Amino acid sequence: MGTEVSEKYRDWMEAAGFVDIEEQHFMWPSNPWPKDRYMKELGNWNMINILEGLEGFCLALMTRGLGWKKEEVDVFVAKVSADVKNKGIHAYYPMPVVWGRKPLTAN
């Protein structure tokens, strides 16, 4: 799907009947590398979420899709986990947020 899918969020909300649609774009750090206390905490949450799901994200795709053995996936996940934890890698994830409200219907 790619990151461009977020460009369709507003249209999908409008098509579903939402009004007063707003959007905001955030950049979340990949781990607790930032010096700012709030961003450091946000980065820590982000890192934990990634690490908790990493094996699950990879297993089906790489064993069924690419024909890897479980042991190969385990090695890959370990290497990726090390990079995710590496505070020397100053990466961000774009986080688009779109919200709106359903209009009230007359009775």
Foldseek 3Di string as FASTA:
>chain_A
DDPCVVVCPVVVCVVVQFPPKDKDKDKAWLALLDPDPVNSVSNPVNLVVCLVCVLVVPPCCCCVVVVDDSVVSVVVSVVVNVVSHDSVDGHIDMDMDMDGGHDDDDD
